[in-house]
Amino acid sequence: MELEILEGLRERTIKNFIDLLILAELNNGHTISGHDVINTIHNNFHIRISPGTVYSAIYFLERNGLIEGILKRRKRVYRLTDKGKETIQTTQKLYEKIQTLVAQLFGT
């Protein structure tokens, strides 16, 4: 029972924070495609995420100026913008506050 609950929480958390996962992956200076995001999530978290979920997050990030799409060898890939870099840096600074929020959520 615990394992099922934990797996469900992991999957929900990853889906809810997929935008931050994409930004963090782009923070290393590389470009990635939607397919790369799907593979990274599967390889790192052993969870299958639908392309619709991934591309919805990518389009949201792009519309908000956090990433930009470019064509590279007939393939659309994405890179972090300056605004995206600022967002990921701010999120990293808020790490302790995020931990506190999660602790409050579970009453610990």
PDB file of N, CA and C in Angstrom:
ATOM      1  N   MET A   1       0.830  -1.202   0.000  1.00  0.00           N
ATOM      2  CA  MET A   1       0.000   0.000   0.000  1.00  0.00           C
ATOM      3  C   MET A   1       0.870   1.260   0.000  1.00  0.00           C
ATOM      4  N   GLU A   2       1.900   1.280   0.863  1.00  0.00           N
ATOM      5  CA  GLU A   2       2.782   2.448   0.918  1.00  0.00           C
ATOM      6  C   GLU A   2       3.457   2.697  -0.419  1.00  0.00           C
ATOM      7  N   LEU A   3       3.915   1.630  -1.056  1.00  0.00           N
ATOM      8  CA  LEU A   3       4.601   1.754  -2.340  1.00  0.00           C
ATOM      9  C   LEU A   3       3.676   2.350  -3.397  1.00  0.00           C
ATOM     10  N   GLU A   4       2.423   1.921  -3.424  1.00  0.00           N
ATOM     11  CA  GLU A   4       1.458   2.460  -4.382  1.00  0.00           C
ATOM     12  C   GLU A   4       1.223   3.947  -4.153  1.00  0.00           C
ATOM     13  N   ILE A   5       1.098   4.333  -2.897  1.00  0.00           N
ATOM     14  CA  ILE A   5       0.883   5.748  -2.564  1.00  0.00           C
ATOM     15  C   ILE A   5       2.102   6.566  -2.966  1.00  0.00           C
ATOM     16  N   LEU A   6       3.289   6.046  -2.636  1.00  0.00           N
ATOM     17  CA  LEU A   6       4.526   6.749  -2.971  1.00  0.00           C
ATOM     18  C   LEU A   6       4.678   6.914  -4.482  1.00  0.00           C
ATOM     19  N   GLU A   7       4.409   5.867  -5.244  1.00  0.00           N
ATOM     20  CA  GLU A   7       4.514   5.938  -6.703  1.00  0.00           C
ATOM     21  C   GLU A   7       3.513   6.948  -7.271  1.00  0.00           C
ATOM     22  N   GLY A   8       2.312   6.951  -6.734  1.00  0.00           N
ATOM     23  CA  GLY A   8       1.310   7.916  -7.176  1.00  0.00           C
ATOM     24  C   GLY A   8       1.741   9.344  -6.894  1.00  0.00           C
ATOM     25  N   LEU A   9       2.294   9.569  -5.712  1.00  0.00           N
ATOM     26  CA  LEU A   9       2.777  10.904  -5.352  1.00  0.00           C
ATOM     27  C   LEU A   9       3.943  11.324  -6.233  1.00  0.00           C
ATOM     28  N   ARG A  10       4.858  10.397  -6.506  1.00  0.00           N
ATOM     29  CA  ARG A  10       6.002  10.706  -7.372  1.00  0.00           C
ATOM     30  C   ARG A  10       5.519  11.148  -8.749  1.00  0.00           C
ATOM     31  N   GLU A  11       4.598  10.381  -9.313  1.00  0.00           N
ATOM     32  CA  GLU A  11       4.111  10.703 -10.654  1.00  0.00           C
ATOM     33  C   GLU A  11       3.386  12.042 -10.671  1.00  0.00           C
ATOM     34  N   ARG A  12       2.538  12.283  -9.683  1.00  0.00           N
ATOM     35  CA  ARG A  12       1.821  13.569  -9.610  1.00  0.00           C
ATOM     36  C   ARG A  12       2.791  14.727  -9.430  1.00  0.00           C
ATOM     37  N   THR A  13       3.794  14.546  -8.585  1.00  0.00           N
ATOM     38  CA  THR A  13       4.777  15.606  -8.342  1.00  0.00           C
ATOM     39  C   THR A  13       5.545  15.934  -9.608  1.00  0.00           C
ATOM     40  N   ILE A  14       5.999  14.912 -10.313  1.00  0.00           N
ATOM     41  CA  ILE A  14       6.740  15.134 -11.550  1.00  0.00           C
ATOM     42  C   ILE A  14       5.876  15.837 -12.576  1.00  0.00           C
ATOM     43  N   LYS A  15       4.635  15.412 -12.728  1.00  0.00           N
ATOM     44  CA  LYS A  15       3.739  16.068 -13.681  1.00  0.00           C
ATOM     45  C   LYS A  15       3.464  17.516 -13.289  1.00  0.00           C
ATOM     46  N   ASN A  16       3.311  17.765 -11.991  1.00  0.00           N
ATOM     47  CA  ASN A  16       3.018  19.128 -11.528  1.00  0.00           C
ATOM     48  C   ASN A  16       4.222  20.056 -11.640  1.00  0.00           C
ATOM     49  N   PHE A  17       5.410  19.485 -11.571  1.00  0.00           N
ATOM     50  CA  PHE A  17       6.620  20.301 -11.623  1.00  0.00           C
ATOM     51  C   PHE A  17       7.401  20.086 -12.908  1.00  0.00           C
ATOM     52  N   ILE A  18       6.734  19.606 -13.942  1.00  0.00           N
ATOM     53  CA  ILE A  18       7.422  19.317 -15.193  1.00  0.00           C
ATOM     54  C   ILE A  18       8.067  20.575 -15.781  1.00  0.00           C
ATOM     55  N   ASP A  19       7.439  21.729 -15.574  1.00  0.00           N
ATOM     56  CA  ASP A  19       8.033  22.967 -16.074  1.00  0.00           C
ATOM     57  C   ASP A  19       9.389  23.222 -15.430  1.00  0.00           C
ATOM     58  N   LEU A  20       9.496  22.997 -14.117  1.00  0.00           N
ATOM     59  CA  LEU A  20      10.778  23.189 -13.439  1.00  0.00           C
ATOM     60  C   LEU A  20      11.793  22.130 -13.857  1.00  0.00           C
ATOM     61  N   LEU A  21      11.327  20.920 -14.100  1.00  0.00           N
ATOM     62  CA  LEU A  21      12.239  19.871 -14.581  1.00  0.00           C
ATOM     63  C   LEU A  21      12.819  20.247 -15.939  1.00  0.00           C
ATOM     64  N   ILE A  22      11.995  20.799 -16.810  1.00  0.00           N
ATOM     65  CA  ILE A  22      12.462  21.216 -18.138  1.00  0.00           C
ATOM     66  C   ILE A  22      13.473  22.352 -17.993  1.00  0.00           C
ATOM     67  N   LEU A  23      13.148  23.341 -17.175  1.00  0.00           N
ATOM     68  CA  LEU A  23      14.074  24.464 -16.973  1.00  0.00           C
ATOM     69  C   LEU A  23      15.394  23.981 -16.383  1.00  0.00           C
ATOM     70  N   ALA A  24      15.325  23.083 -15.411  1.00  0.00           N
ATOM     71  CA  ALA A  24      16.541  22.559 -14.784  1.00  0.00           C
ATOM     72  C   ALA A  24      17.387  21.792 -15.798  1.00  0.00           C
ATOM     73  N   GLU A  25      16.739  21.038 -16.658  1.00  0.00           N
ATOM     74  CA  GLU A  25      17.459  20.280 -17.683  1.00  0.00           C
ATOM     75  C   GLU A  25      18.139  21.228 -18.675  1.00  0.00           C
ATOM     76  N   LEU A  26      17.474  22.325 -18.989  1.00  0.00           N
ATOM     77  CA  LEU A  26      18.050  23.306 -19.908  1.00  0.00           C
ATOM     78  C   LEU A  26      19.111  24.181 -19.246  1.00  0.00           C
ATOM     79  N   ASN A  27      19.139  24.199 -17.938  1.00  0.00           N
ATOM     80  CA  ASN A  27      20.060  25.059 -17.202  1.00  0.00           C
ATOM     81  C   ASN A  27      21.517  24.687 -17.430  1.00  0.00           C
ATOM     82  N   ASN A  28      21.782  23.496 -17.942  1.00  0.00           N
ATOM     83  CA  ASN A  28      23.163  23.088 -18.193  1.00  0.00           C
ATOM     84  C   ASN A  28      23.719  23.661 -19.494  1.00  0.00           C
ATOM     85  N   GLY A  29      22.913  24.438 -20.222  1.00  0.00           N
ATOM     86  CA  GLY A  29      23.382  25.097 -21.428  1.00  0.00           C
ATOM     87  C   GLY A  29      23.127  24.337 -22.709  1.00  0.00           C
ATOM     88  N   HIS A  30      22.603  23.134 -22.635  1.00  0.00           N
ATOM     89  CA  HIS A  30      22.298  22.350 -23.826  1.00  0.00           C
ATOM     90  C   HIS A  30      20.903  22.679 -24.337  1.00  0.00           C
ATOM     91  N   THR A  31      20.626  22.235 -25.532  1.00  0.00           N
ATOM     92  CA  THR A  31      19.271  22.308 -26.058  1.00  0.00           C
ATOM     93  C   THR A  31      18.647  20.921 -25.936  1.00  0.00           C
ATOM     94  N   ILE A  32      17.326  20.878 -25.814  1.00  0.00           N
ATOM     95  CA  ILE A  32      16.628  19.594 -25.747  1.00  0.00           C
ATOM     96  C   ILE A  32      15.346  19.677 -26.565  1.00  0.00           C
ATOM     97  N   SER A  33      14.885  18.525 -26.973  1.00  0.00           N
ATOM     98  CA  SER A  33      13.612  18.430 -27.686  1.00  0.00           C
ATOM     99  C   SER A  33      12.566  17.874 -26.722  1.00  0.00           C
ATOM    100  N   GLY A  34      11.323  17.893 -27.148  1.00  0.00           N
ATOM    101  CA  GLY A  34      10.263  17.296 -26.336  1.00  0.00           C
ATOM    102  C   GLY A  34      10.519  15.820 -26.107  1.00  0.00           C
ATOM    103  N   HIS A  35      10.994  15.151 -27.125  1.00  0.00           N
ATOM    104  CA  HIS A  35      11.314  13.720 -27.016  1.00  0.00           C
ATOM    105  C   HIS A  35      12.415  13.504 -25.982  1.00  0.00           C
ATOM    106  N   ASP A  36      13.400  14.398 -25.946  1.00  0.00           N
ATOM    107  CA  ASP A  36      14.471  14.305 -24.945  1.00  0.00           C
ATOM    108  C   ASP A  36      13.916  14.429 -23.525  1.00  0.00           C
ATOM    109  N   VAL A  37      12.939  15.314 -23.350  1.00  0.00           N
ATOM    110  CA  VAL A  37      12.322  15.494 -22.031  1.00  0.00           C
ATOM    111  C   VAL A  37      11.632  14.203 -21.593  1.00  0.00           C
ATOM    112  N   ILE A  38      10.883  13.607 -22.498  1.00  0.00           N
ATOM    113  CA  ILE A  38      10.185  12.350 -22.197  1.00  0.00           C
ATOM    114  C   ILE A  38      11.187  11.275 -21.789  1.00  0.00           C
ATOM    115  N   ASN A  39      12.279  11.151 -22.559  1.00  0.00           N
ATOM    116  CA  ASN A  39      13.299  10.144 -22.250  1.00  0.00           C
ATOM    117  C   ASN A  39      14.012  10.435 -20.935  1.00  0.00           C
ATOM    118  N   THR A  40      14.317  11.693 -20.669  1.00  0.00           N
ATOM    119  CA  THR A  40      14.993  12.059 -19.422  1.00  0.00           C
ATOM    120  C   THR A  40      14.135  11.714 -18.214  1.00  0.00           C
ATOM    121  N   ILE A  41      12.860  12.036 -18.288  1.00  0.00           N
ATOM    122  CA  ILE A  41      11.960  11.727 -17.174  1.00  0.00           C
ATOM    123  C   ILE A  41      11.854  10.218 -16.987  1.00  0.00           C
ATOM    124  N   HIS A  42      11.742   9.500 -18.084  1.00  0.00           N
ATOM    125  CA  HIS A  42      11.657   8.040 -17.976  1.00  0.00           C
ATOM    126  C   HIS A  42      12.943   7.453 -17.395  1.00  0.00           C
ATOM    127  N   ASN A  43      14.093   7.917 -17.879  1.00  0.00           N
ATOM    128  CA  ASN A  43      15.374   7.381 -17.405  1.00  0.00           C
ATOM    129  C   ASN A  43      15.670   7.750 -15.954  1.00  0.00           C
ATOM    130  N   ASN A  44      15.321   8.963 -15.550  1.00  0.00           N
ATOM    131  CA  ASN A  44      15.642   9.427 -14.188  1.00  0.00           C
ATOM    132  C   ASN A  44      14.612   9.016 -13.145  1.00  0.00           C
ATOM    133  N   PHE A  45      13.331   8.942 -13.555  1.00  0.00           N
ATOM    134  CA  PHE A  45      12.268   8.705 -12.580  1.00  0.00           C
ATOM    135  C   PHE A  45      11.450   7.449 -12.849  1.00  0.00           C
ATOM    136  N   HIS A  46      11.732   6.766 -13.961  1.00  0.00           N
ATOM    137  CA  HIS A  46      11.031   5.527 -14.338  1.00  0.00           C
ATOM    138  C   HIS A  46       9.525   5.733 -14.444  1.00  0.00           C
ATOM    139  N   ILE A  47       9.166   6.871 -15.027  1.00  0.00           N
ATOM    140  CA  ILE A  47       7.764   7.224 -15.220  1.00  0.00           C
ATOM    141  C   ILE A  47       7.576   7.581 -16.685  1.00  0.00           C
ATOM    142  N   ARG A  48       6.504   7.103 -17.259  1.00  0.00           N
ATOM    143  CA  ARG A  48       6.160   7.451 -18.642  1.00  0.00           C
ATOM    144  C   ARG A  48       5.206   8.642 -18.616  1.00  0.00           C
ATOM    145  N   ILE A  49       5.600   9.696 -19.299  1.00  0.00           N
ATOM    146  CA  ILE A  49       4.779  10.902 -19.387  1.00  0.00           C
ATOM    147  C   ILE A  49       4.329  11.031 -20.835  1.00  0.00           C
ATOM    148  N   SER A  50       3.091  11.385 -21.037  1.00  0.00           N
ATOM    149  CA  SER A  50       2.577  11.484 -22.404  1.00  0.00           C
ATOM    150  C   SER A  50       3.188  12.692 -23.115  1.00  0.00           C
ATOM    151  N   PRO A  51       3.342  12.583 -24.429  1.00  0.00           N
ATOM    152  CA  PRO A  51       3.831  13.729 -25.196  1.00  0.00           C
ATOM    153  C   PRO A  51       2.946  14.963 -25.014  1.00  0.00           C
ATOM    154  N   GLY A  52       1.647  14.767 -24.866  1.00  0.00           N
ATOM    155  CA  GLY A  52       0.746  15.899 -24.656  1.00  0.00           C
ATOM    156  C   GLY A  52       1.077  16.679 -23.399  1.00  0.00           C
ATOM    157  N   THR A  53       1.410  15.970 -22.337  1.00  0.00           N
ATOM    158  CA  THR A  53       1.793  16.626 -21.077  1.00  0.00           C
ATOM    159  C   THR A  53       3.083  17.414 -21.255  1.00  0.00           C
ATOM    160  N   VAL A  54       4.052  16.809 -21.909  1.00  0.00           N
ATOM    161  CA  VAL A  54       5.360  17.453 -22.101  1.00  0.00           C
ATOM    162  C   VAL A  54       5.238  18.670 -23.006  1.00  0.00           C
ATOM    163  N   TYR A  55       4.592  18.504 -24.147  1.00  0.00           N
ATOM    164  CA  TYR A  55       4.510  19.617 -25.086  1.00  0.00           C
ATOM    165  C   TYR A  55       3.624  20.744 -24.571  1.00  0.00           C
ATOM    166  N   SER A  56       2.642  20.425 -23.778  1.00  0.00           N
ATOM    167  CA  SER A  56       1.832  21.467 -23.145  1.00  0.00           C
ATOM    168  C   SER A  56       2.710  22.329 -22.236  1.00  0.00           C
ATOM    169  N   ALA A  57       3.576  21.684 -21.462  1.00  0.00           N
ATOM    170  CA  ALA A  57       4.494  22.413 -20.580  1.00  0.00           C
ATOM    171  C   ALA A  57       5.506  23.220 -21.394  1.00  0.00           C
ATOM    172  N   ILE A  58       6.019  22.624 -22.451  1.00  0.00           N
ATOM    173  CA  ILE A  58       6.982  23.327 -23.308  1.00  0.00           C
ATOM    174  C   ILE A  58       6.351  24.570 -23.916  1.00  0.00           C
ATOM    175  N   TYR A  59       5.140  24.444 -24.441  1.00  0.00           N
ATOM    176  CA  TYR A  59       4.474  25.594 -25.051  1.00  0.00           C
ATOM    177  C   TYR A  59       4.177  26.678 -24.014  1.00  0.00           C
ATOM    178  N   PHE A  60       3.811  26.268 -22.806  1.00  0.00           N
ATOM    179  CA  PHE A  60       3.588  27.232 -21.729  1.00  0.00           C
ATOM    180  C   PHE A  60       4.877  28.013 -21.436  1.00  0.00           C
ATOM    181  N   LEU A  61       5.988  27.294 -21.310  1.00  0.00           N
ATOM    182  CA  LEU A  61       7.278  27.937 -21.030  1.00  0.00           C
ATOM    183  C   LEU A  61       7.688  28.868 -22.164  1.00  0.00           C
ATOM    184  N   GLU A  62       7.430  28.434 -23.381  1.00  0.00           N
ATOM    185  CA  GLU A  62       7.790  29.258 -24.543  1.00  0.00           C
ATOM    186  C   GLU A  62       6.926  30.516 -24.618  1.00  0.00           C
ATOM    187  N   ARG A  63       5.621  30.369 -24.396  1.00  0.00           N
ATOM    188  CA  ARG A  63       4.717  31.537 -24.418  1.00  0.00           C
ATOM    189  C   ARG A  63       5.084  32.558 -23.348  1.00  0.00           C
ATOM    190  N   ASN A  64       5.622  32.080 -22.241  1.00  0.00           N
ATOM    191  CA  ASN A  64       5.979  32.972 -21.144  1.00  0.00           C
ATOM    192  C   ASN A  64       7.419  33.471 -21.219  1.00  0.00           C
ATOM    193  N   GLY A  65       8.102  33.163 -22.316  1.00  0.00           N
ATOM    194  CA  GLY A  65       9.439  33.695 -22.547  1.00  0.00           C
ATOM    195  C   GLY A  65      10.543  33.042 -21.732  1.00  0.00           C
ATOM    196  N   LEU A  66      10.281  31.874 -21.168  1.00  0.00           N
ATOM    197  CA  LEU A  66      11.296  31.205 -20.347  1.00  0.00           C
ATOM    198  C   LEU A  66      12.220  30.319 -21.172  1.00  0.00           C
ATOM    199  N   ILE A  67      11.715  29.844 -22.312  1.00  0.00           N
ATOM    200  CA  ILE A  67      12.516  29.066 -23.245  1.00  0.00           C
ATOM    201  C   ILE A  67      12.195  29.550 -24.655  1.00  0.00           C
ATOM    202  N   GLU A  68      13.076  29.217 -25.580  1.00  0.00           N
ATOM    203  CA  GLU A  68      12.796  29.537 -26.973  1.00  0.00           C
ATOM    204  C   GLU A  68      13.123  28.329 -27.829  1.00  0.00           C
ATOM    205  N   GLY A  69      12.299  28.137 -28.838  1.00  0.00           N
ATOM    206  CA  GLY A  69      12.483  27.033 -29.755  1.00  0.00           C
ATOM    207  C   GLY A  69      13.310  27.453 -30.953  1.00  0.00           C
ATOM    208  N   ILE A  70      14.185  26.561 -31.393  1.00  0.00           N
ATOM    209  CA  ILE A  70      14.996  26.799 -32.580  1.00  0.00           C
ATOM    210  C   ILE A  70      15.007  25.524 -33.417  1.00  0.00           C
ATOM    211  N   LEU A  71      15.199  25.680 -34.715  1.00  0.00           N
ATOM    212  CA  LEU A  71      15.302  24.511 -35.578  1.00  0.00           C
ATOM    213  C   LEU A  71      16.761  24.085 -35.654  1.00  0.00           C
ATOM    214  N   LYS A  72      16.988  22.810 -35.419  1.00  0.00           N
ATOM    215  CA  LYS A  72      18.337  22.258 -35.460  1.00  0.00           C
ATOM    216  C   LYS A  72      18.260  20.926 -36.199  1.00  0.00           C
ATOM    217  N   ARG A  73      18.789  20.904 -37.399  1.00  0.00           N
ATOM    218  CA  ARG A  73      18.743  19.692 -38.224  1.00  0.00           C
ATOM    219  C   ARG A  73      17.323  19.161 -38.388  1.00  0.00           C
ATOM    220  N   ARG A  74      16.425  20.012 -38.828  1.00  0.00           N
ATOM    221  CA  ARG A  74      15.022  19.649 -39.069  1.00  0.00           C
ATOM    222  C   ARG A  74      14.285  19.209 -37.813  1.00  0.00           C
ATOM    223  N   LYS A  75      14.808  19.543 -36.664  1.00  0.00           N
ATOM    224  CA  LYS A  75      14.200  19.153 -35.395  1.00  0.00           C
ATOM    225  C   LYS A  75      14.066  20.410 -34.541  1.00  0.00           C
ATOM    226  N   ARG A  76      12.933  20.567 -33.889  1.00  0.00           N
ATOM    227  CA  ARG A  76      12.731  21.729 -33.014  1.00  0.00           C
ATOM    228  C   ARG A  76      13.278  21.393 -31.636  1.00  0.00           C
ATOM    229  N   VAL A  77      14.222  22.204 -31.199  1.00  0.00           N
ATOM    230  CA  VAL A  77      14.802  22.040 -29.865  1.00  0.00           C
ATOM    231  C   VAL A  77      14.625  23.350 -29.107  1.00  0.00           C
ATOM    232  N   TYR A  78      14.815  23.278 -27.825  1.00  0.00           N
ATOM    233  CA  TYR A  78      14.551  24.428 -26.962  1.00  0.00           C
ATOM    234  C   TYR A  78      15.776  24.760 -26.140  1.00  0.00           C
ATOM    235  N   ARG A  79      15.913  26.054 -25.856  1.00  0.00           N
ATOM    236  CA  ARG A  79      16.995  26.517 -24.989  1.00  0.00           C
ATOM    237  C   ARG A  79      16.435  27.539 -24.008  1.00  0.00           C
ATOM    238  N   LEU A  80      17.158  27.719 -22.947  1.00  0.00           N
ATOM    239  CA  LEU A  80      16.756  28.622 -21.878  1.00  0.00           C
ATOM    240  C   LEU A  80      17.001  30.075 -22.295  1.00  0.00           C
ATOM    241  N   THR A  81      16.060  30.937 -21.992  1.00  0.00           N
ATOM    242  CA  THR A  81      16.241  32.375 -22.218  1.00  0.00           C
ATOM    243  C   THR A  81      16.800  32.993 -20.941  1.00  0.00           C
ATOM    244  N   ASP A  82      17.139  34.261 -21.006  1.00  0.00           N
ATOM    245  CA  ASP A  82      17.612  34.955 -19.803  1.00  0.00           C
ATOM    246  C   ASP A  82      16.537  34.943 -18.719  1.00  0.00           C
ATOM    247  N   LYS A  83      15.290  35.143 -19.119  1.00  0.00           N
ATOM    248  CA  LYS A  83      14.179  35.104 -18.160  1.00  0.00           C
ATOM    249  C   LYS A  83      14.068  33.712 -17.534  1.00  0.00           C
ATOM    250  N   GLY A  84      14.277  32.678 -18.319  1.00  0.00           N
ATOM    251  CA  GLY A  84      14.255  31.312 -17.805  1.00  0.00           C
ATOM    252  C   GLY A  84      15.384  31.065 -16.818  1.00  0.00           C
ATOM    253  N   LYS A  85      16.563  31.607 -17.117  1.00  0.00           N
ATOM    254  CA  LYS A  85      17.709  31.474 -16.200  1.00  0.00           C
ATOM    255  C   LYS A  85      17.404  32.147 -14.873  1.00  0.00           C
ATOM    256  N   GLU A  86      16.822  33.339 -14.936  1.00  0.00           N
ATOM    257  CA  GLU A  86      16.450  34.057 -13.709  1.00  0.00           C
ATOM    258  C   GLU A  86      15.430  33.257 -12.903  1.00  0.00           C
ATOM    259  N   THR A  87      14.470  32.667 -13.602  1.00  0.00           N
ATOM    260  CA  THR A  87      13.430  31.884 -12.934  1.00  0.00           C
ATOM    261  C   THR A  87      14.028  30.685 -12.213  1.00  0.00           C
ATOM    262  N   ILE A  88      14.925  29.961 -12.862  1.00  0.00           N
ATOM    263  CA  ILE A  88      15.517  28.781 -12.233  1.00  0.00           C
ATOM    264  C   ILE A  88      16.410  29.197 -11.066  1.00  0.00           C
ATOM    265  N   GLN A  89      17.127  30.306 -11.187  1.00  0.00           N
ATOM    266  CA  GLN A  89      17.956  30.795 -10.081  1.00  0.00           C
ATOM    267  C   GLN A  89      17.097  31.192  -8.884  1.00  0.00           C
ATOM    268  N   THR A  90      15.990  31.867  -9.141  1.00  0.00           N
ATOM    269  CA  THR A  90      15.084  32.259  -8.065  1.00  0.00           C
ATOM    270  C   THR A  90      14.482  31.037  -7.396  1.00  0.00           C
ATOM    271  N   THR A  91      14.101  30.049  -8.187  1.00  0.00           N
ATOM    272  CA  THR A  91      13.537  28.815  -7.643  1.00  0.00           C
ATOM    273  C   THR A  91      14.558  28.108  -6.759  1.00  0.00           C
ATOM    274  N   GLN A  92      15.814  28.087  -7.180  1.00  0.00           N
ATOM    275  CA  GLN A  92      16.866  27.459  -6.375  1.00  0.00           C
ATOM    276  C   GLN A  92      17.060  28.198  -5.052  1.00  0.00           C
ATOM    277  N   LYS A  93      16.946  29.520  -5.079  1.00  0.00           N
ATOM    278  CA  LYS A  93      17.070  30.310  -3.855  1.00  0.00           C
ATOM    279  C   LYS A  93      15.918  30.031  -2.890  1.00  0.00           C
ATOM    280  N   LEU A  94      14.764  29.667  -3.425  1.00  0.00           N
ATOM    281  CA  LEU A  94      13.575  29.425  -2.615  1.00  0.00           C
ATOM    282  C   LEU A  94      13.465  27.979  -2.139  1.00  0.00           C
ATOM    283  N   TYR A  95      14.479  27.181  -2.360  1.00  0.00           N
ATOM    284  CA  TYR A  95      14.445  25.750  -2.051  1.00  0.00           C
ATOM    285  C   TYR A  95      13.997  25.477  -0.614  1.00  0.00           C
ATOM    286  N   GLU A  96      14.571  26.161   0.353  1.00  0.00           N
ATOM    287  CA  GLU A  96      14.203  25.925   1.756  1.00  0.00           C
ATOM    288  C   GLU A  96      12.751  26.289   2.020  1.00  0.00           C
ATOM    289  N   LYS A  97      12.281  27.366   1.428  1.00  0.00           N
ATOM    290  CA  LYS A  97      10.888  27.763   1.608  1.00  0.00           C
ATOM    291  C   LYS A  97       9.950  26.730   0.978  1.00  0.00           C
ATOM    292  N   ILE A  98      10.363  26.160  -0.140  1.00  0.00           N
ATOM    293  CA  ILE A  98       9.563  25.119  -0.787  1.00  0.00           C
ATOM    294  C   ILE A  98       9.500  23.884   0.106  1.00  0.00           C
ATOM    295  N   GLN A  99      10.623  23.516   0.709  1.00  0.00           N
ATOM    296  CA  GLN A  99      10.650  22.383   1.632  1.00  0.00           C
ATOM    297  C   GLN A  99       9.716  22.624   2.814  1.00  0.00           C
ATOM    298  N   THR A 100       9.727  23.837   3.343  1.00  0.00           N
ATOM    299  CA  THR A 100       8.857  24.184   4.459  1.00  0.00           C
ATOM    300  C   THR A 100       7.393  24.080   4.051  1.00  0.00           C
ATOM    301  N   LEU A 101       7.077  24.542   2.849  1.00  0.00           N
ATOM    302  CA  LEU A 101       5.714  24.462   2.338  1.00  0.00           C
ATOM    303  C   LEU A 101       5.248  23.010   2.261  1.00  0.00           C
ATOM    304  N   VAL A 102       6.099  22.130   1.739  1.00  0.00           N
ATOM    305  CA  VAL A 102       5.754  20.718   1.629  1.00  0.00           C
ATOM    306  C   VAL A 102       5.561  20.108   3.028  1.00  0.00           C
ATOM    307  N   ALA A 103       6.430  20.471   3.958  1.00  0.00           N
ATOM    308  CA  ALA A 103       6.304  19.986   5.336  1.00  0.00           C
ATOM    309  C   ALA A 103       4.978  20.446   5.946  1.00  0.00           C
ATOM    310  N   GLN A 104       4.602  21.698   5.711  1.00  0.00           N
ATOM    311  CA  GLN A 104       3.336  22.222   6.226  1.00  0.00           C
ATOM    312  C   GLN A 104       2.155  21.481   5.594  1.00  0.00           C
ATOM    313  N   LEU A 105       2.289  21.166   4.333  1.00  0.00           N
ATOM    314  CA  LEU A 105       1.245  20.458   3.610  1.00  0.00           C
ATOM    315  C   LEU A 105       0.930  19.120   4.287  1.00  0.00           C
ATOM    316  N   PHE A 106       1.962  18.468   4.781  1.00  0.00           N
ATOM    317  CA  PHE A 106       1.776  17.158   5.420  1.00  0.00           C
ATOM    318  C   PHE A 106       1.735  17.257   6.946  1.00  0.00           C
ATOM    319  N   GLY A 107       1.731  18.456   7.467  1.00  0.00           N
ATOM    320  CA  GLY A 107       1.580  18.643   8.908  1.00  0.00           C
ATOM    321  C   GLY A 107       2.763  18.184   9.729  1.00  0.00           C
ATOM    322  N   THR A 108       3.970  18.283   9.156  1.00  0.00           N
ATOM    323  CA  THR A 108       5.148  17.873   9.926  1.00  0.00           C
ATOM    324  C   THR A 108       5.932  19.059  10.415  1.00  0.00           C
TER     325      THR A 108
END
